[in-house]
N, C-alpha and C. Protein backbone atom coordinates (compact mmCIF):
# COMPACT_ATOMS: atom_id res chain seq x y z
N MET A 1 44.30 54.96 110.69
CA MET A 1 43.35 55.50 109.62
C MET A 1 43.78 54.88 108.35
N GLY A 2 42.88 54.30 107.54
CA GLY A 2 43.19 53.75 106.24
C GLY A 2 43.20 54.83 105.24
N SER A 3 43.78 54.59 104.13
CA SER A 3 43.93 55.46 102.91
C SER A 3 42.53 55.90 102.47
N PHE A 4 41.62 54.95 102.55
CA PHE A 4 40.16 55.37 101.94
C PHE A 4 39.47 56.16 102.99
N ASP A 5 39.95 56.33 104.32
CA ASP A 5 39.38 57.23 105.16
C ASP A 5 39.61 58.65 104.93
N VAL A 6 40.56 59.04 104.10
CA VAL A 6 41.01 60.45 103.84
C VAL A 6 40.69 60.94 102.53
N LEU A 7 39.87 60.19 101.73
CA LEU A 7 39.67 60.59 100.30
C LEU A 7 39.38 62.00 100.07
N LEU A 8 38.60 62.68 101.04
CA LEU A 8 38.18 63.97 100.85
C LEU A 8 39.15 65.02 101.35
N ASN A 9 40.33 64.53 101.85
CA ASN A 9 41.29 65.44 102.35
C ASN A 9 42.29 65.94 101.29
N ASP A 10 43.20 66.72 101.55
CA ASP A 10 44.08 67.11 100.46
C ASP A 10 45.10 66.14 100.02
N ALA A 11 45.69 66.45 98.94
CA ALA A 11 46.56 65.28 98.22
C ALA A 11 47.61 64.82 99.11
N ARG A 12 48.27 65.68 99.84
CA ARG A 12 49.37 65.26 100.77
C ARG A 12 48.96 64.17 101.80
N THR A 13 47.80 64.54 102.38
CA THR A 13 47.29 63.73 103.50
C THR A 13 46.83 62.39 102.84
N GLN A 14 46.35 62.28 101.64
CA GLN A 14 46.01 61.12 101.00
C GLN A 14 47.24 60.27 100.64
N PHE A 15 48.36 60.98 100.16
CA PHE A 15 49.55 60.23 99.75
C PHE A 15 50.11 59.75 100.97
N GLU A 16 50.19 60.46 102.03
CA GLU A 16 50.85 59.91 103.31
C GLU A 16 50.13 58.75 103.86
N ALA A 17 48.78 58.72 103.73
CA ALA A 17 47.88 57.65 104.27
C ALA A 17 48.15 56.41 103.36
N PHE A 18 48.21 56.54 102.04
CA PHE A 18 48.60 55.36 101.15
C PHE A 18 49.98 54.86 101.37
N VAL A 19 50.98 55.74 101.55
CA VAL A 19 52.30 55.27 101.90
C VAL A 19 52.36 54.42 103.10
N GLU A 20 51.70 55.01 104.11
CA GLU A 20 51.75 54.34 105.47
C GLU A 20 50.96 52.96 105.40
N GLU A 21 49.95 52.91 104.62
CA GLU A 21 49.19 51.68 104.55
C GLU A 21 49.87 50.54 103.86
N TYR A 22 50.64 50.92 102.77
CA TYR A 22 51.46 50.08 101.98
C TYR A 22 52.70 49.63 102.80
N ARG A 23 53.15 50.47 103.52
CA ARG A 23 54.28 50.08 104.43
C ARG A 23 53.86 49.11 105.39
N SER A 24 52.82 49.38 106.06
CA SER A 24 52.20 48.46 107.03
C SER A 24 51.80 47.09 106.43
N ALA A 25 51.33 47.10 105.34
CA ALA A 25 50.98 45.87 104.56
C ALA A 25 52.14 45.00 104.39
N LEU A 26 53.24 45.62 103.81
CA LEU A 26 54.47 44.95 103.69
C LEU A 26 55.01 44.32 104.88
N GLU A 27 55.06 45.19 105.91
CA GLU A 27 55.64 44.82 107.24
C GLU A 27 54.78 43.54 107.70
N SER A 28 53.54 43.65 107.70
CA SER A 28 52.72 42.59 108.29
C SER A 28 52.95 41.40 107.35
N SER A 29 53.12 41.42 106.17
CA SER A 29 53.36 40.27 105.20
C SER A 29 54.51 39.57 105.68
N LEU A 30 55.72 40.30 106.09
CA LEU A 30 56.91 39.74 106.48
C LEU A 30 57.01 39.25 107.99
N ASP A 31 55.99 39.81 108.84
CA ASP A 31 56.06 39.49 110.24
C ASP A 31 55.93 37.92 110.44
N GLY A 32 56.88 37.40 111.16
CA GLY A 32 56.90 36.08 111.54
C GLY A 32 57.50 35.04 110.63
N LEU A 33 57.92 35.63 109.40
CA LEU A 33 58.51 34.77 108.48
C LEU A 33 59.96 34.35 108.70
N THR A 34 60.45 33.20 108.37
CA THR A 34 61.79 33.05 108.40
C THR A 34 62.48 33.56 107.25
N ASP A 35 63.84 33.66 107.31
CA ASP A 35 64.52 34.19 106.22
C ASP A 35 64.26 33.47 104.94
N GLU A 36 64.24 32.08 104.98
CA GLU A 36 64.01 31.36 103.91
C GLU A 36 62.60 31.63 103.28
N GLN A 37 61.61 31.74 104.12
CA GLN A 37 60.29 32.10 103.57
C GLN A 37 60.25 33.52 102.95
N ALA A 38 60.89 34.49 103.48
CA ALA A 38 61.02 35.74 102.91
C ALA A 38 61.64 35.78 101.51
N ARG A 39 62.49 34.78 101.40
CA ARG A 39 63.30 34.69 100.02
C ARG A 39 62.53 33.81 99.03
N SER A 40 61.58 33.08 99.31
CA SER A 40 60.91 32.04 98.60
C SER A 40 60.12 32.84 97.38
N ARG A 41 60.10 32.29 96.22
CA ARG A 41 59.27 32.88 95.22
C ARG A 41 57.86 32.34 95.16
N LEU A 42 56.97 33.10 95.14
CA LEU A 42 55.58 32.76 95.21
C LEU A 42 54.82 32.93 93.77
N VAL A 43 55.58 33.56 92.89
CA VAL A 43 55.10 33.78 91.55
C VAL A 43 56.15 33.36 90.50
N PRO A 44 55.80 33.16 89.23
CA PRO A 44 56.78 32.73 88.20
C PRO A 44 57.93 33.69 88.04
N SER A 45 57.81 34.86 88.38
CA SER A 45 58.98 35.81 88.24
C SER A 45 60.01 35.72 89.41
N ALA A 46 61.00 36.38 89.54
CA ALA A 46 61.94 36.29 90.62
C ALA A 46 61.51 37.11 91.87
N THR A 47 60.27 37.61 91.81
CA THR A 47 59.79 38.40 92.84
C THR A 47 59.62 37.74 94.23
N THR A 48 60.15 38.24 95.31
CA THR A 48 59.93 37.67 96.55
C THR A 48 59.58 38.78 97.60
N LEU A 49 59.14 38.37 98.74
CA LEU A 49 58.73 39.49 99.68
C LEU A 49 60.05 40.23 100.22
N LEU A 50 61.11 39.55 100.33
CA LEU A 50 62.30 40.27 100.65
C LEU A 50 62.75 41.18 99.51
N GLY A 51 62.66 40.79 98.34
CA GLY A 51 62.94 41.70 97.18
C GLY A 51 62.07 42.90 97.13
N LEU A 52 60.81 42.73 97.46
CA LEU A 52 59.86 43.87 97.45
C LEU A 52 60.30 44.93 98.54
N LEU A 53 60.67 44.25 99.64
CA LEU A 53 61.19 45.16 100.83
C LEU A 53 62.50 45.85 100.46
N LYS A 54 63.36 45.21 99.79
CA LYS A 54 64.69 45.87 99.32
C LYS A 54 64.23 47.04 98.39
N HIS A 55 63.38 46.79 97.35
CA HIS A 55 63.03 47.75 96.34
C HIS A 55 62.30 48.91 97.01
N VAL A 56 61.49 48.79 97.98
CA VAL A 56 60.83 49.81 98.56
C VAL A 56 61.76 50.71 99.46
N THR A 57 62.63 49.95 100.17
CA THR A 57 63.69 50.55 100.95
C THR A 57 64.71 51.54 100.00
N TRP A 58 65.08 50.95 98.87
CA TRP A 58 65.87 51.64 97.96
C TRP A 58 65.23 52.87 97.36
N MET A 59 63.91 52.75 96.98
CA MET A 59 63.14 53.85 96.41
C MET A 59 62.92 54.92 97.32
N GLN A 60 62.67 54.69 98.73
CA GLN A 60 62.58 55.73 99.58
C GLN A 60 63.81 56.38 99.83
N ARG A 61 64.99 55.70 99.85
CA ARG A 61 66.28 56.32 100.01
C ARG A 61 66.56 57.24 98.99
N VAL A 62 66.32 56.78 97.69
CA VAL A 62 66.49 57.66 96.48
C VAL A 62 65.58 58.90 96.53
N TRP A 63 64.37 58.70 96.94
CA TRP A 63 63.51 59.83 96.96
C TRP A 63 63.98 60.90 98.00
N PHE A 64 64.47 60.39 99.20
CA PHE A 64 64.97 61.38 100.26
C PHE A 64 66.20 62.04 99.68
N GLU A 65 67.17 61.28 99.09
CA GLU A 65 68.33 61.90 98.59
C GLU A 65 68.18 62.98 97.53
N GLU A 66 67.12 62.77 96.55
CA GLU A 66 66.87 63.59 95.59
C GLU A 66 65.98 64.77 96.07
N CYS A 67 64.86 64.49 96.64
CA CYS A 67 63.88 65.50 97.04
C CYS A 67 64.28 66.26 98.23
N ILE A 68 64.78 65.63 99.25
CA ILE A 68 65.19 66.29 100.44
C ILE A 68 66.66 66.77 100.55
N GLY A 69 67.50 65.98 100.02
CA GLY A 69 68.93 66.13 100.02
C GLY A 69 69.45 67.03 98.80
N GLY A 70 68.69 67.04 97.80
CA GLY A 70 69.10 67.73 96.54
C GLY A 70 70.13 67.02 95.73
N ARG A 71 70.39 65.75 96.08
CA ARG A 71 71.30 65.02 95.30
C ARG A 71 70.71 64.23 94.23
N SER A 72 71.43 64.22 93.04
CA SER A 72 70.83 63.59 91.95
C SER A 72 71.46 62.03 91.79
N ARG A 73 70.67 61.23 91.26
CA ARG A 73 71.09 59.77 91.11
C ARG A 73 72.28 59.67 89.94
N LEU A 74 72.12 60.62 89.12
CA LEU A 74 73.00 60.46 87.85
C LEU A 74 74.38 61.00 88.08
């Protein structure tokens, strides 16, 4: 189910659908790529697909540590 299929549902259901859709999109973008391809820059900035994956992974870990674990980053 895509995130636009749940627009009339509650906010949590919408949020979970958006997160899952973006996780799937990132995963499918990396599927079948070599390490070199995942590290290549496709835009003028230093952004790479592997860098996006690392950022998303880090943000989810921080969110769980703070929201679920009650630990502060500071």
